[in-house]
């Protein structure tokens, strides 16, 4: 869960409504405060998010599909005997 998800779940961004004398009053949020909120949020997110390092591209080699028997033979041939004194 990143900061954006936490923020969106916990901050109520609806208009503020008050009732005065039985008539509901709706006030809009100040655009400067909305911009400030957005700027602060993006700077905090930039500071806590680690920079992504580009991974070097690894050349993909060819894959040879072999049967189980062939794989077992290659494995057996690659293991050196324990009693080999060379």
C-alpha atoms as a PDB file:
ATOM      1  CA  UNK A   1       0.000   0.000   0.000  1.00  0.00           C
ATOM      2  CA  UNK A   2       1.520   3.289  -1.050  1.00  0.00           C
ATOM      3  CA  UNK A   3       0.999   6.781   0.329  1.00  0.00           C
ATOM      4  CA  UNK A   4      -1.622   7.642  -2.298  1.00  0.00           C
ATOM      5  CA  UNK A   5      -3.910   4.799  -1.276  1.00  0.00           C
ATOM      6  CA  UNK A   6      -3.581   5.663   2.409  1.00  0.00           C
ATOM      7  CA  UNK A   7      -4.270   9.327   1.702  1.00  0.00           C
ATOM      8  CA  UNK A   8      -7.326   8.634  -0.455  1.00  0.00           C
ATOM      9  CA  UNK A   9      -8.822   6.371   2.206  1.00  0.00           C
ATOM     10  CA  UNK A  10      -8.231   8.720   5.129  1.00  0.00           C
ATOM     11  CA  UNK A  11      -8.815  12.223   3.754  1.00  0.00           C
ATOM     12  CA  UNK A  12     -12.374  13.327   3.113  1.00  0.00           C
ATOM     13  CA  UNK A  13     -12.415  15.498  -0.007  1.00  0.00           C
ATOM     14  CA  UNK A  14     -16.105  16.347  -0.045  1.00  0.00           C
ATOM     15  CA  UNK A  15     -17.434  19.874   0.158  1.00  0.00           C
ATOM     16  CA  UNK A  16     -18.031  21.189   3.645  1.00  0.00           C
ATOM     17  CA  UNK A  17     -21.719  21.587   4.350  1.00  0.00           C
ATOM     18  CA  UNK A  18     -23.206  23.400   7.295  1.00  0.00           C
ATOM     19  CA  UNK A  19     -26.779  24.027   8.158  1.00  0.00           C
ATOM     20  CA  UNK A  20     -27.750  27.482   9.230  1.00  0.00           C
ATOM     21  CA  UNK A  21     -31.327  28.113  10.147  1.00  0.00           C
ATOM     22  CA  UNK A  22     -32.507  24.943   8.505  1.00  0.00           C
ATOM     23  CA  UNK A  23     -31.006  25.844   5.105  1.00  0.00           C
ATOM     24  CA  UNK A  24     -27.981  23.720   4.185  1.00  0.00           C
ATOM     25  CA  UNK A  25     -24.957  25.773   3.203  1.00  0.00           C
ATOM     26  CA  UNK A  26     -22.255  24.313   0.996  1.00  0.00           C
ATOM     27  CA  UNK A  27     -18.770  25.847   0.851  1.00  0.00           C
ATOM     28  CA  UNK A  28     -16.156  24.998  -1.722  1.00  0.00           C
ATOM     29  CA  UNK A  29     -12.589  24.364  -0.710  1.00  0.00           C
ATOM     30  CA  UNK A  30     -10.098  27.147  -1.358  1.00  0.00           C
ATOM     31  CA  UNK A  31      -8.265  26.399  -4.647  1.00  0.00           C
ATOM     32  CA  UNK A  32      -4.976  27.600  -3.119  1.00  0.00           C
ATOM     33  CA  UNK A  33      -5.330  25.094  -0.282  1.00  0.00           C
ATOM     34  CA  UNK A  34      -6.188  22.336  -2.740  1.00  0.00           C
ATOM     35  CA  UNK A  35      -3.043  23.172  -4.772  1.00  0.00           C
ATOM     36  CA  UNK A  36      -0.924  23.345  -1.604  1.00  0.00           C
ATOM     37  CA  UNK A  37      -2.310  20.000  -0.449  1.00  0.00           C
ATOM     38  CA  UNK A  38      -1.479  18.472  -3.823  1.00  0.00           C
ATOM     39  CA  UNK A  39       2.064  19.941  -3.845  1.00  0.00           C
ATOM     40  CA  UNK A  40       2.829  18.773  -0.311  1.00  0.00           C
ATOM     41  CA  UNK A  41       1.464  15.322  -1.048  1.00  0.00           C
ATOM     42  CA  UNK A  42       3.573  14.946  -4.200  1.00  0.00           C
ATOM     43  CA  UNK A  43       6.768  16.138  -2.457  1.00  0.00           C
ATOM     44  CA  UNK A  44       6.228  13.734   0.460  1.00  0.00           C
ATOM     45  CA  UNK A  45       5.576  10.914  -1.983  1.00  0.00           C
ATOM     46  CA  UNK A  46       8.757  11.788  -3.925  1.00  0.00           C
ATOM     47  CA  UNK A  47      10.819  11.764  -0.730  1.00  0.00           C
ATOM     48  CA  UNK A  48       9.583   8.436   0.613  1.00  0.00           C
ATOM     49  CA  UNK A  49       9.529   6.584  -2.711  1.00  0.00           C
ATOM     50  CA  UNK A  50      12.939   5.084  -3.449  1.00  0.00           C
ATOM     51  CA  UNK A  51      14.259   5.913  -6.916  1.00  0.00           C
ATOM     52  CA  UNK A  52      13.887   3.119  -9.399  1.00  0.00           C
ATOM     53  CA  UNK A  53      17.179   1.862 -10.703  1.00  0.00           C
ATOM     54  CA  UNK A  54      17.211   0.741 -14.278  1.00  0.00           C
ATOM     55  CA  UNK A  55      18.070  -2.912 -14.512  1.00  0.00           C
ATOM     56  CA  UNK A  56      20.655  -3.762 -17.143  1.00  0.00           C
ATOM     57  CA  UNK A  57      19.143  -5.723 -19.971  1.00  0.00           C
ATOM     58  CA  UNK A  58      20.107  -9.351 -19.854  1.00  0.00           C
ATOM     59  CA  UNK A  59      20.459 -11.007 -23.185  1.00  0.00           C
ATOM     60  CA  UNK A  60      18.145 -13.938 -23.392  1.00  0.00           C
ATOM     61  CA  UNK A  61      19.897 -17.082 -24.450  1.00  0.00           C
ATOM     62  CA  UNK A  62      18.370 -19.917 -26.323  1.00  0.00           C
ATOM     63  CA  UNK A  63      16.525 -22.525 -24.343  1.00  0.00           C
ATOM     64  CA  UNK A  64      16.915 -26.105 -25.409  1.00  0.00           C
ATOM     65  CA  UNK A  65      14.091 -28.371 -24.366  1.00  0.00           C
ATOM     66  CA  UNK A  66      15.245 -31.859 -23.492  1.00  0.00           C
ATOM     67  CA  UNK A  67      13.560 -34.963 -22.240  1.00  0.00           C
ATOM     68  CA  UNK A  68      13.837 -36.120 -18.651  1.00  0.00           C
ATOM     69  CA  UNK A  69      16.152 -38.949 -19.647  1.00  0.00           C
ATOM     70  CA  UNK A  70      18.499 -36.589 -21.504  1.00  0.00           C
ATOM     71  CA  UNK A  71      18.554 -34.178 -18.555  1.00  0.00           C
ATOM     72  CA  UNK A  72      19.413 -37.019 -16.160  1.00  0.00           C
ATOM     73  CA  UNK A  73      22.240 -38.193 -18.449  1.00  0.00           C
ATOM     74  CA  UNK A  74      23.692 -34.658 -18.659  1.00  0.00           C
ATOM     75  CA  UNK A  75      23.463 -34.289 -14.887  1.00  0.00           C
ATOM     76  CA  UNK A  76      25.137 -37.641 -14.299  1.00  0.00           C
ATOM     77  CA  UNK A  77      27.937 -36.751 -16.718  1.00  0.00           C
ATOM     78  CA  UNK A  78      28.551 -33.385 -15.047  1.00  0.00           C
ATOM     79  CA  UNK A  79      29.050 -34.837 -11.554  1.00  0.00           C
ATOM     80  CA  UNK A  80      32.605 -35.859 -10.781  1.00  0.00           C
ATOM     81  CA  UNK A  81      33.085 -39.089  -8.858  1.00  0.00           C
ATOM     82  CA  UNK A  82      33.977 -38.653  -5.187  1.00  0.00           C
ATOM     83  CA  UNK A  83      36.907 -41.078  -5.343  1.00  0.00           C
ATOM     84  CA  UNK A  84      38.486 -39.266  -8.311  1.00  0.00           C
ATOM     85  CA  UNK A  85      42.042 -38.335  -7.276  1.00  0.00           C
ATOM     86  CA  UNK A  86      42.920 -36.191 -10.278  1.00  0.00           C
END
